[in-house]
Amino acid sequence: MILAPRHREVETWHRVDSAACPALARTKVTVTGVLDLSAVEAIDDAVQSAEASGHELTFDLSHISTITAGALDELLSRGHQPRSAKP
């Protein structure tokens, strides 16, 4: 008997946490799980919220387990820069 390999579709998951410290005007964005295009959109939302509050941003990407094709390029193409570096 020959068994054909089975491929199982596994749903990817991620979590994007945003922790704001109003006293320091800082927001830390942490990504856990898979960095895919929907995670990049969630990061965008967190960045927009932090910038609207006038906060500086810190990113913690150390809990990313997998990066899907194109997601890292998409994230880097957005190129967040500190306000002091903007003209």
PDB file of N, CA and C in Angstrom:
ATOM      1  N   MET A   1       0.840  -1.162   0.000  1.00  0.00           N
ATOM      2  CA  MET A   1       0.000   0.000   0.000  1.00  0.00           C
ATOM      3  C   MET A   1       0.896   1.240   0.000  1.00  0.00           C
ATOM      4  N   ILE A   2       0.587   2.161  -0.877  1.00  0.00           N
ATOM      5  CA  ILE A   2       1.322   3.422  -0.942  1.00  0.00           C
ATOM      6  C   ILE A   2       0.393   4.524  -0.455  1.00  0.00           C
ATOM      7  N   LEU A   3       0.874   5.278   0.475  1.00  0.00           N
ATOM      8  CA  LEU A   3       0.086   6.382   1.015  1.00  0.00           C
ATOM      9  C   LEU A   3       0.549   7.692   0.399  1.00  0.00           C
ATOM     10  N   ALA A   4      -0.384   8.423  -0.106  1.00  0.00           N
ATOM     11  CA  ALA A   4      -0.068   9.744  -0.658  1.00  0.00           C
ATOM     12  C   ALA A   4       0.032  10.732   0.500  1.00  0.00           C
ATOM     13  N   PRO A   5       0.992  11.644   0.429  1.00  0.00           N
ATOM     14  CA  PRO A   5       1.093  12.631   1.505  1.00  0.00           C
ATOM     15  C   PRO A   5      -0.155  13.503   1.549  1.00  0.00           C
ATOM     16  N   ARG A   6      -0.564  13.841   2.735  1.00  0.00           N
ATOM     17  CA  ARG A   6      -1.722  14.721   2.913  1.00  0.00           C
ATOM     18  C   ARG A   6      -1.221  16.120   3.229  1.00  0.00           C
ATOM     19  N   HIS A   7      -1.830  17.044   2.600  1.00  0.00           N
ATOM     20  CA  HIS A   7      -1.512  18.438   2.883  1.00  0.00           C
ATOM     21  C   HIS A   7      -2.696  19.036   3.602  1.00  0.00           C
ATOM     22  N   ARG A   8      -2.410  19.648   4.672  1.00  0.00           N
ATOM     23  CA  ARG A   8      -3.468  20.231   5.483  1.00  0.00           C
ATOM     24  C   ARG A   8      -3.326  21.741   5.448  1.00  0.00           C
ATOM     25  N   GLU A   9      -4.409  22.399   5.142  1.00  0.00           N
ATOM     26  CA  GLU A   9      -4.415  23.861   5.167  1.00  0.00           C
ATOM     27  C   GLU A   9      -4.446  24.316   6.622  1.00  0.00           C
ATOM     28  N   VAL A  10      -3.511  25.147   6.984  1.00  0.00           N
ATOM     29  CA  VAL A  10      -3.457  25.678   8.337  1.00  0.00           C
ATOM     30  C   VAL A  10      -3.720  27.173   8.262  1.00  0.00           C
ATOM     31  N   GLU A  11      -4.678  27.610   9.011  1.00  0.00           N
ATOM     32  CA  GLU A  11      -4.993  29.028   9.016  1.00  0.00           C
ATOM     33  C   GLU A  11      -3.898  29.787   9.756  1.00  0.00           C
ATOM     34  N   THR A  12      -3.411  30.834   9.125  1.00  0.00           N
ATOM     35  CA  THR A  12      -2.384  31.646   9.773  1.00  0.00           C
ATOM     36  C   THR A  12      -3.039  32.579  10.779  1.00  0.00           C
ATOM     37  N   TRP A  13      -2.298  32.938  11.792  1.00  0.00           N
ATOM     38  CA  TRP A  13      -2.827  33.860  12.793  1.00  0.00           C
ATOM     39  C   TRP A  13      -1.722  34.819  13.199  1.00  0.00           C
ATOM     40  N   HIS A  14      -2.160  35.932  13.664  1.00  0.00           N
ATOM     41  CA  HIS A  14      -1.238  36.929  14.201  1.00  0.00           C
ATOM     42  C   HIS A  14      -1.984  37.728  15.260  1.00  0.00           C
ATOM     43  N   ARG A  15      -1.211  38.413  16.034  1.00  0.00           N
ATOM     44  CA  ARG A  15      -1.785  39.343  17.010  1.00  0.00           C
ATOM     45  C   ARG A  15      -0.906  40.582  17.003  1.00  0.00           C
ATOM     46  N   VAL A  16      -1.545  41.725  16.935  1.00  0.00           N
ATOM     47  CA  VAL A  16      -0.830  42.996  16.997  1.00  0.00           C
ATOM     48  C   VAL A  16      -1.327  43.722  18.237  1.00  0.00           C
ATOM     49  N   ASP A  17      -0.424  43.902  19.194  1.00  0.00           N
ATOM     50  CA  ASP A  17      -0.750  44.602  20.435  1.00  0.00           C
ATOM     51  C   ASP A  17      -0.143  45.992  20.398  1.00  0.00           C
ATOM     52  N   SER A  18      -0.890  46.931  20.914  1.00  0.00           N
ATOM     53  CA  SER A  18      -0.423  48.298  20.986  1.00  0.00           C
ATOM     54  C   SER A  18      -0.541  48.761  22.435  1.00  0.00           C
ATOM     55  N   ALA A  19       0.584  49.149  23.030  1.00  0.00           N
ATOM     56  CA  ALA A  19       0.595  49.614  24.425  1.00  0.00           C
ATOM     57  C   ALA A  19       1.058  51.064  24.452  1.00  0.00           C
ATOM     58  N   ALA A  20       0.140  51.950  24.846  1.00  0.00           N
ATOM     59  CA  ALA A  20       0.442  53.380  24.865  1.00  0.00           C
ATOM     60  C   ALA A  20       0.776  53.844  26.274  1.00  0.00           C
ATOM     61  N   CYS A  21       1.769  54.712  26.361  1.00  0.00           N
ATOM     62  CA  CYS A  21       2.136  55.337  27.627  1.00  0.00           C
ATOM     63  C   CYS A  21       2.019  56.853  27.431  1.00  0.00           C
ATOM     64  N   PRO A  22       0.854  57.414  27.776  1.00  0.00           N
ATOM     65  CA  PRO A  22       0.645  58.854  27.548  1.00  0.00           C
ATOM     66  C   PRO A  22       1.669  59.737  28.261  1.00  0.00           C
ATOM     67  N   ALA A  23       2.102  59.344  29.453  1.00  0.00           N
ATOM     68  CA  ALA A  23       3.047  60.168  30.206  1.00  0.00           C
ATOM     69  C   ALA A  23       4.380  60.322  29.475  1.00  0.00           C
ATOM     70  N   LEU A  24       4.780  59.295  28.721  1.00  0.00           N
ATOM     71  CA  LEU A  24       6.040  59.341  27.980  1.00  0.00           C
ATOM     72  C   LEU A  24       5.824  59.648  26.497  1.00  0.00           C
ATOM     73  N   ALA A  25       4.559  59.753  26.080  1.00  0.00           N
ATOM     74  CA  ALA A  25       4.210  59.977  24.672  1.00  0.00           C
ATOM     75  C   ALA A  25       4.855  58.928  23.775  1.00  0.00           C
ATOM     76  N   ARG A  26       4.716  57.663  24.196  1.00  0.00           N
ATOM     77  CA  ARG A  26       5.293  56.544  23.458  1.00  0.00           C
ATOM     78  C   ARG A  26       4.258  55.446  23.304  1.00  0.00           C
ATOM     79  N   THR A  27       4.332  54.742  22.192  1.00  0.00           N
ATOM     80  CA  THR A  27       3.500  53.571  21.952  1.00  0.00           C
ATOM     81  C   THR A  27       4.391  52.442  21.471  1.00  0.00           C
ATOM     82  N   LYS A  28       4.212  51.270  22.067  1.00  0.00           N
ATOM     83  CA  LYS A  28       4.952  50.074  21.662  1.00  0.00           C
ATOM     84  C   LYS A  28       3.995  49.167  20.905  1.00  0.00           C
ATOM     85  N   VAL A  29       4.388  48.776  19.690  1.00  0.00           N
ATOM     86  CA  VAL A  29       3.593  47.883  18.855  1.00  0.00           C
ATOM     87  C   VAL A  29       4.320  46.545  18.793  1.00  0.00           C
ATOM     88  N   THR A  30       3.633  45.480  19.227  1.00  0.00           N
ATOM     89  CA  THR A  30       4.215  44.138  19.246  1.00  0.00           C
ATOM     90  C   THR A  30       3.439  43.239  18.295  1.00  0.00           C
ATOM     91  N   VAL A  31       4.170  42.532  17.428  1.00  0.00           N
ATOM     92  CA  VAL A  31       3.554  41.588  16.498  1.00  0.00           C
ATOM     93  C   VAL A  31       3.934  40.181  16.937  1.00  0.00           C
ATOM     94  N   THR A  32       2.909  39.329  17.069  1.00  0.00           N
ATOM     95  CA  THR A  32       3.105  37.934  17.455  1.00  0.00           C
ATOM     96  C   THR A  32       2.498  37.041  16.379  1.00  0.00           C
ATOM     97  N   GLY A  33       3.194  35.973  16.027  1.00  0.00           N
ATOM     98  CA  GLY A  33       2.664  35.013  15.059  1.00  0.00           C
ATOM     99  C   GLY A  33       3.166  35.290  13.657  1.00  0.00           C
ATOM    100  N   VAL A  34       2.251  35.255  12.702  1.00  0.00           N
ATOM    101  CA  VAL A  34       2.595  35.367  11.284  1.00  0.00           C
ATOM    102  C   VAL A  34       2.524  36.822  10.832  1.00  0.00           C
ATOM    103  N   LEU A  35       3.592  37.267  10.191  1.00  0.00           N
ATOM    104  CA  LEU A  35       3.577  38.588   9.568  1.00  0.00           C
ATOM    105  C   LEU A  35       3.082  38.388   8.137  1.00  0.00           C
ATOM    106  N   ASP A  36       1.810  38.744   7.927  1.00  0.00           N
ATOM    107  CA  ASP A  36       1.215  38.672   6.599  1.00  0.00           C
ATOM    108  C   ASP A  36       0.627  40.041   6.274  1.00  0.00           C
ATOM    109  N   LEU A  37      -0.018  40.152   5.142  1.00  0.00           N
ATOM    110  CA  LEU A  37      -0.529  41.466   4.726  1.00  0.00           C
ATOM    111  C   LEU A  37      -1.604  41.988   5.664  1.00  0.00           C
ATOM    112  N   SER A  38      -2.400  41.105   6.268  1.00  0.00           N
ATOM    113  CA  SER A  38      -3.410  41.596   7.212  1.00  0.00           C
ATOM    114  C   SER A  38      -2.748  42.085   8.501  1.00  0.00           C
ATOM    115  N   ALA A  39      -1.623  41.493   8.892  1.00  0.00           N
ATOM    116  CA  ALA A  39      -0.883  41.994  10.054  1.00  0.00           C
ATOM    117  C   ALA A  39      -0.299  43.368   9.748  1.00  0.00           C
ATOM    118  N   VAL A  40       0.175  43.560   8.515  1.00  0.00           N
ATOM    119  CA  VAL A  40       0.712  44.864   8.120  1.00  0.00           C
ATOM    120  C   VAL A  40      -0.381  45.927   8.200  1.00  0.00           C
ATOM    121  N   GLU A  41      -1.602  45.579   7.797  1.00  0.00           N
ATOM    122  CA  GLU A  41      -2.717  46.523   7.908  1.00  0.00           C
ATOM    123  C   GLU A  41      -3.013  46.858   9.374  1.00  0.00           C
ATOM    124  N   ALA A  42      -2.949  45.838  10.252  1.00  0.00           N
ATOM    125  CA  ALA A  42      -3.168  46.083  11.684  1.00  0.00           C
ATOM    126  C   ALA A  42      -2.062  46.962  12.263  1.00  0.00           C
ATOM    127  N   ILE A  43      -0.838  46.775  11.790  1.00  0.00           N
ATOM    128  CA  ILE A  43       0.275  47.628  12.225  1.00  0.00           C
ATOM    129  C   ILE A  43       0.020  49.062  11.772  1.00  0.00           C
ATOM    130  N   ASP A  44      -0.456  49.239  10.535  1.00  0.00           N
ATOM    131  CA  ASP A  44      -0.782  50.573  10.035  1.00  0.00           C
ATOM    132  C   ASP A  44      -1.793  51.263  10.940  1.00  0.00           C
ATOM    133  N   ASP A  45      -2.829  50.532  11.346  1.00  0.00           N
ATOM    134  CA  ASP A  45      -3.846  51.111  12.227  1.00  0.00           C
ATOM    135  C   ASP A  45      -3.231  51.578  13.545  1.00  0.00           C
ATOM    136  N   ALA A  46      -2.358  50.737  14.128  1.00  0.00           N
ATOM    137  CA  ALA A  46      -1.711  51.090  15.393  1.00  0.00           C
ATOM    138  C   ALA A  46      -0.803  52.308  15.220  1.00  0.00           C
ATOM    139  N   VAL A  47      -0.089  52.374  14.099  1.00  0.00           N
ATOM    140  CA  VAL A  47       0.811  53.503  13.820  1.00  0.00           C
ATOM    141  C   VAL A  47       0.009  54.790  13.657  1.00  0.00           C
ATOM    142  N   GLN A  48      -1.087  54.730  12.909  1.00  0.00           N
ATOM    143  CA  GLN A  48      -1.908  55.922  12.709  1.00  0.00           C
ATOM    144  C   GLN A  48      -2.476  56.428  14.025  1.00  0.00           C
ATOM    145  N   SER A  49      -2.915  55.519  14.878  1.00  0.00           N
ATOM    146  CA  SER A  49      -3.450  55.906  16.183  1.00  0.00           C
ATOM    147  C   SER A  49      -2.378  56.564  17.046  1.00  0.00           C
ATOM    148  N   ALA A  50      -1.189  55.975  17.049  1.00  0.00           N
ATOM    149  CA  ALA A  50      -0.089  56.526  17.846  1.00  0.00           C
ATOM    150  C   ALA A  50       0.326  57.896  17.332  1.00  0.00           C
ATOM    151  N   GLU A  51       0.436  58.030  16.020  1.00  0.00           N
ATOM    152  CA  GLU A  51       0.839  59.310  15.449  1.00  0.00           C
ATOM    153  C   GLU A  51      -0.212  60.382  15.692  1.00  0.00           C
ATOM    154  N   ALA A  52      -1.488  59.999  15.673  1.00  0.00           N
ATOM    155  CA  ALA A  52      -2.555  60.960  15.951  1.00  0.00           C
ATOM    156  C   ALA A  52      -2.467  61.476  17.380  1.00  0.00           C
ATOM    157  N   SER A  53      -1.912  60.653  18.279  1.00  0.00           N
ATOM    158  CA  SER A  53      -1.735  61.055  19.672  1.00  0.00           C
ATOM    159  C   SER A  53      -0.410  61.762  19.903  1.00  0.00           C
ATOM    160  N   GLY A  54       0.394  61.898  18.839  1.00  0.00           N
ATOM    161  CA  GLY A  54       1.695  62.548  18.974  1.00  0.00           C
ATOM    162  C   GLY A  54       2.750  61.680  19.627  1.00  0.00           C
ATOM    163  N   HIS A  55       2.572  60.361  19.580  1.00  0.00           N
ATOM    164  CA  HIS A  55       3.507  59.445  20.238  1.00  0.00           C
ATOM    165  C   HIS A  55       4.640  59.018  19.307  1.00  0.00           C
ATOM    166  N   GLU A  56       5.788  58.791  19.901  1.00  0.00           N
ATOM    167  CA  GLU A  56       6.886  58.123  19.221  1.00  0.00           C
ATOM    168  C   GLU A  56       6.579  56.625  19.266  1.00  0.00           C
ATOM    169  N   LEU A  57       7.124  55.860  18.320  1.00  0.00           N
ATOM    170  CA  LEU A  57       6.813  54.433  18.211  1.00  0.00           C
ATOM    171  C   LEU A  57       8.018  53.559  18.480  1.00  0.00           C
ATOM    172  N   THR A  58       7.739  52.426  19.108  1.00  0.00           N
ATOM    173  CA  THR A  58       8.715  51.362  19.274  1.00  0.00           C
ATOM    174  C   THR A  58       8.060  50.092  18.746  1.00  0.00           C
ATOM    175  N   PHE A  59       8.788  49.318  17.943  1.00  0.00           N
ATOM    176  CA  PHE A  59       8.262  48.068  17.400  1.00  0.00           C
ATOM    177  C   PHE A  59       8.994  46.886  18.017  1.00  0.00           C
ATOM    178  N   ASP A  60       8.232  45.873  18.415  1.00  0.00           N
ATOM    179  CA  ASP A  60       8.801  44.611  18.883  1.00  0.00           C
ATOM    180  C   ASP A  60       8.371  43.543  17.891  1.00  0.00           C
ATOM    181  N   LEU A  61       9.297  43.112  17.056  1.00  0.00           N
ATOM    182  CA  LEU A  61       9.019  42.105  16.042  1.00  0.00           C
ATOM    183  C   LEU A  61       9.670  40.775  16.390  1.00  0.00           C
ATOM    184  N   SER A  62      10.102  40.628  17.623  1.00  0.00           N
ATOM    185  CA  SER A  62      10.847  39.423  18.023  1.00  0.00           C
ATOM    186  C   SER A  62       9.962  38.191  18.199  1.00  0.00           C
ATOM    187  N   HIS A  63       8.638  38.353  18.170  1.00  0.00           N
ATOM    188  CA  HIS A  63       7.738  37.222  18.365  1.00  0.00           C
ATOM    189  C   HIS A  63       7.097  36.758  17.060  1.00  0.00           C
ATOM    190  N   ILE A  64       7.634  37.200  15.928  1.00  0.00           N
ATOM    191  CA  ILE A  64       7.125  36.767  14.626  1.00  0.00           C
ATOM    192  C   ILE A  64       7.655  35.362  14.354  1.00  0.00           C
ATOM    193  N   SER A  65       6.735  34.452  14.012  1.00  0.00           N
ATOM    194  CA  SER A  65       7.133  33.067  13.758  1.00  0.00           C
ATOM    195  C   SER A  65       7.356  32.798  12.274  1.00  0.00           C
ATOM    196  N   THR A  66       6.633  33.497  11.410  1.00  0.00           N
ATOM    197  CA  THR A  66       6.696  33.271   9.964  1.00  0.00           C
ATOM    198  C   THR A  66       6.413  34.587   9.250  1.00  0.00           C
ATOM    199  N   ILE A  67       7.050  34.750   8.102  1.00  0.00           N
ATOM    200  CA  ILE A  67       6.788  35.928   7.278  1.00  0.00           C
ATOM    201  C   ILE A  67       6.315  35.439   5.919  1.00  0.00           C
ATOM    202  N   THR A  68       5.128  35.870   5.508  1.00  0.00           N
ATOM    203  CA  THR A  68       4.603  35.442   4.215  1.00  0.00           C
ATOM    204  C   THR A  68       5.225  36.261   3.089  1.00  0.00           C
ATOM    205  N   ALA A  69       5.126  35.719   1.888  1.00  0.00           N
ATOM    206  CA  ALA A  69       5.710  36.367   0.715  1.00  0.00           C
ATOM    207  C   ALA A  69       5.165  37.780   0.553  1.00  0.00           C
ATOM    208  N   GLY A  70       6.056  38.722   0.429  1.00  0.00           N
ATOM    209  CA  GLY A  70       5.658  40.094   0.178  1.00  0.00           C
ATOM    210  C   GLY A  70       5.329  40.919   1.413  1.00  0.00           C
ATOM    211  N   ALA A  71       5.069  40.286   2.536  1.00  0.00           N
ATOM    212  CA  ALA A  71       4.641  41.043   3.721  1.00  0.00           C
ATOM    213  C   ALA A  71       5.765  41.924   4.267  1.00  0.00           C
ATOM    214  N   LEU A  72       6.964  41.389   4.348  1.00  0.00           N
ATOM    215  CA  LEU A  72       8.072  42.182   4.870  1.00  0.00           C
ATOM    216  C   LEU A  72       8.375  43.356   3.943  1.00  0.00           C
ATOM    217  N   ASP A  73       8.394  43.105   2.635  1.00  0.00           N
ATOM    218  CA  ASP A  73       8.628  44.190   1.679  1.00  0.00           C
ATOM    219  C   ASP A  73       7.556  45.261   1.812  1.00  0.00           C
ATOM    220  N   GLU A  74       6.307  44.834   1.992  1.00  0.00           N
ATOM    221  CA  GLU A  74       5.204  45.787   2.142  1.00  0.00           C
ATOM    222  C   GLU A  74       5.381  46.618   3.411  1.00  0.00           C
ATOM    223  N   LEU A  75       5.769  45.967   4.505  1.00  0.00           N
ATOM    224  CA  LEU A  75       5.972  46.680   5.758  1.00  0.00           C
ATOM    225  C   LEU A  75       7.112  47.689   5.627  1.00  0.00           C
ATOM    226  N   LEU A  76       8.215  47.248   5.043  1.00  0.00           N
ATOM    227  CA  LEU A  76       9.384  48.132   4.909  1.00  0.00           C
ATOM    228  C   LEU A  76       9.123  49.261   3.921  1.00  0.00           C
ATOM    229  N   SER A  77       8.278  49.029   2.925  1.00  0.00           N
ATOM    230  CA  SER A  77       8.002  50.081   1.939  1.00  0.00           C
ATOM    231  C   SER A  77       7.233  51.241   2.561  1.00  0.00           C
ATOM    232  N   ARG A  78       6.577  50.978   3.689  1.00  0.00           N
ATOM    233  CA  ARG A  78       5.819  52.046   4.348  1.00  0.00           C
ATOM    234  C   ARG A  78       6.754  53.003   5.061  1.00  0.00           C
ATOM    235  N   GLY A  79       7.938  52.519   5.439  1.00  0.00           N
ATOM    236  CA  GLY A  79       9.025  53.348   5.925  1.00  0.00           C
ATOM    237  C   GLY A  79       8.691  54.371   6.982  1.00  0.00           C
ATOM    238  N   HIS A  80       8.193  53.931   8.101  1.00  0.00           N
ATOM    239  CA  HIS A  80       7.944  54.879   9.189  1.00  0.00           C
ATOM    240  C   HIS A  80       9.253  55.543   9.587  1.00  0.00           C
ATOM    241  N   GLN A  81       9.229  56.854   9.699  1.00  0.00           N
ATOM    242  CA  GLN A  81      10.395  57.614  10.140  1.00  0.00           C
ATOM    243  C   GLN A  81      10.001  58.443  11.347  1.00  0.00           C
ATOM    244  N   PRO A  82      10.928  58.638  12.273  1.00  0.00           N
ATOM    245  CA  PRO A  82      10.649  59.522  13.398  1.00  0.00           C
ATOM    246  C   PRO A  82      10.304  60.923  12.901  1.00  0.00           C
ATOM    247  N   ARG A  83       9.476  61.624  13.641  1.00  0.00           N
ATOM    248  CA  ARG A  83       9.086  62.977  13.230  1.00  0.00           C
ATOM    249  C   ARG A  83      10.278  63.873  13.032  1.00  0.00           C
ATOM    250  N   SER A  84      11.330  63.712  13.802  1.00  0.00           N
ATOM    251  CA  SER A  84      12.498  64.584  13.677  1.00  0.00           C
ATOM    252  C   SER A  84      13.209  64.403  12.339  1.00  0.00           C
ATOM    253  N   ALA A  85      12.994  63.268  11.671  1.00  0.00           N
ATOM    254  CA  ALA A  85      13.640  63.012  10.393  1.00  0.00           C
ATOM    255  C   ALA A  85      12.808  63.501   9.214  1.00  0.00           C
ATOM    256  N   LYS A  86      11.571  63.907   9.458  1.00  0.00           N
ATOM    257  CA  LYS A  86      10.714  64.380   8.380  1.00  0.00           C
ATOM    258  C   LYS A  86      11.007  65.853   8.109  1.00  0.00           C
ATOM    259  N   PRO A  87      10.891  66.264   6.822  1.00  0.00           N
ATOM    260  CA  PRO A  87      11.177  67.669   6.481  1.00  0.00           C
ATOM    261  C   PRO A  87      10.175  68.630   7.075  1.00  0.00           C
TER     262      PRO A  87
END
